[in-house]
Every structure is written in C-alpha cells, then in structure tokens.
Amino acid sequence: MRLFLLSLIKRITTNAIRATNVILNLLSSLPVRIFLYLASLLIIWAWLSSSFWTLRYFWDWSGDVATVLVIVGVIGETFAEWTEEHARKYRSLAKLSVAVLIVGLAIELSAHRIATDLTAEETADADKQLGQTFKAAGSAIERASEADERAGLADQNAGKANERAGKNEREAAVLRKQAARIVKRAEDEATARIAIEQRLEWRSLSMPQAEAIRKARPQELIWLNVGMEYIAGDLEGGLYADAIRSALNVAGLKAADPVANLLSGPLPVGVQIRTGDAFRVNERVLRSLQRTLRAAEIYAPVLRYKDMGVLDIVIFVGLKPLPTDMPVAK
C-alpha cells in the first residue's frame, strides 16, 4: 500500500511539473507576449477613456498618440520586411509592428469619432448660449430704455426733492437753535443741581485721604497732643471732627475726642488750627500740622487766641463752607 501511494504522488508531481513547464513555455513565446503587451495597452487606454469620456482634449490627445503608434508600426514593419534577410531575421519585429499598427488604427478611429461627436455637442451648446445671450441683450436694451425714462422722472423728482430739502434745512436750523437753548438750559440746571448737592453733602474723609494724612505726617508730630472742637449743635461738623481725629490717631498723633463749643456771634466757617498767642509753641510744628492736613485737602489756617494755653493746639471744625467759600489749593 505504501509503494502504491508513493508511486501515485510521484506521478502527480511529475505531471504538475510538466504542466508548469508547458505554461512557462507558452508565456515565453513571442505571440503570447505580444498579446499581453497589447492587452495591457488596451486596458490602460480603456481606463483612461472611462475617466475622461466627456473631455474632448483627451480624445484629441488619444488621436495624436494613436497616430504615433501607426507611424511606429509602419516603420517597424517596413524595416522588418526591407529585404528577405530582414524578413527572416526580424520576423518577430514584423509581427509586433503589425499589432502596434492595428492598435493605433483602432484607437485613432475611435478617438476621431468621439472627438467629432463632442465637438458637435460643444458647438450646439455654444449656439444655444449665443441665442440666450442675444435674447438677454434684447431684454437688457429694453430695460435700459425703461431706465432712461425712469431717470428722467427721477430728475424731475430730484428738483422737487431739492426744494423740499432746502425747506427742511431751514426748519432744521431753527430746530438746532431750539435744541441748543434746551441743552444750555439743561446744563445750567445740572450745574445748579450739583451746587445744591455740594451744599447739602456732609463733609467726610475717604480712605485715600486718611492714608494721605498718614503718609504726610512728619516725624516731629508723633505723639503730639491735639484737641478737637466743633460748634455745639452742628452734627455735621461733629462727625467731620471725629473723622479727622481718627485719621490723626492712625497717623501717630494723640487727638482727643471732639468737644462741642458753644459760641455766640458770627460762627466760624471751615477748619482752623487754634493755639495760644505766646511764642512757646514751635512754629515749625504748626506748619507741619498744616501741611499734613493739606495732604487730605483740608486747608486750615493757624489762628492765635489770648485765652488759650501756651501749649494748647486745637483743631476747630466750623460750619461747612459754601462752594464759593472753599479755599483754593496752592
């Protein structure tokens, strides 16, 4: 049984080898190779033609290429059959040249026919577009005529519009004058309202002003005893005096709590620095205190009184000055 299987396998292998040799010999023969070359060329051309079927320049190019193939085929066949010796020696070249000639003629005829059809279609499309262009031009001429008529009417209407524009301009000038008077009146009212608000607004010290006092305080004012007074019954002045006291204490001075002072006669206005009329108080200390308050936009003149102690320094907060009574910073 084993010998039979080995003999069967050997026969199958031998037959397969013989079939393979036959196929290889067939593929290596000249007619088969020529057929494969031509089939490949036709497949490539068919693929290109399917991709560019509607492009006329492709078919023109295909016709040119086919013409070159025809010329190459004719030259090759002529050379192969030039003499009997050439015919025997270049028989394969003759067969190949004939095949190339046949393929070139086939492609040239197909390309010429398709290019002619595409040219006819393009010409028909161009004629159709030309007719549409003429039709559109006629419509455009009609519209231009109508536009000329409308332009004439527009000129007439423009004259009337110019007259109305002149009248409107005169009315606008009158309205502008009235508007200017209204704006001026509103500005005057706003200015008056601001003045009233400034008169009614209570004095106070903002955080930046308190910080300015602290930064402007010189070394010589540390632990300086300062009294605080305001007019009895003036609640606004009392609160302002307490705000100044708080800022001075933060700056390092020793400012006392504000004391109400009952006065008669004309009441003082604004903030004052009061001290005795003796010369025992250092003038430089008074000027330093004055500059420190000025850093917070508090402009306090120095006043001397006989009935005050020789070492007393009092910051007196009078009535709130009107905007026209406020001193100007120098």
Foldseek 3Di string as FASTA:
>chain_A
DVVVVVVVVVVVVVVVVVVVVVVVVVCPDLVNVLVVVLVVVVVVVVVVCVVCVLPLVVLVVQLVVLVVLLVQLVVQLCQCVVDPVSVVVVVSSNVSSVSSNVSSVVSNVVSVVSSVVSVVVVVVVVVVVVVVVVVVVVVVVVVVVVVVVVVVVVVVVVVVVVVVVVVVVVVVVVVVVVVVVVVVVVVVVVVVVVLVCVQPDFDAFDPVLLVLLLVLQDPVQAQAEEEEEEAPPPPSLQVRSQRVCVSVVVSRYHYDRYDHDHDDDDWDEFKAKEAAPDPPEDPVNVVSVQVSNVSSVRHYYYYHDHPHDHRYIYIYHIHYDRPVPRDDDD
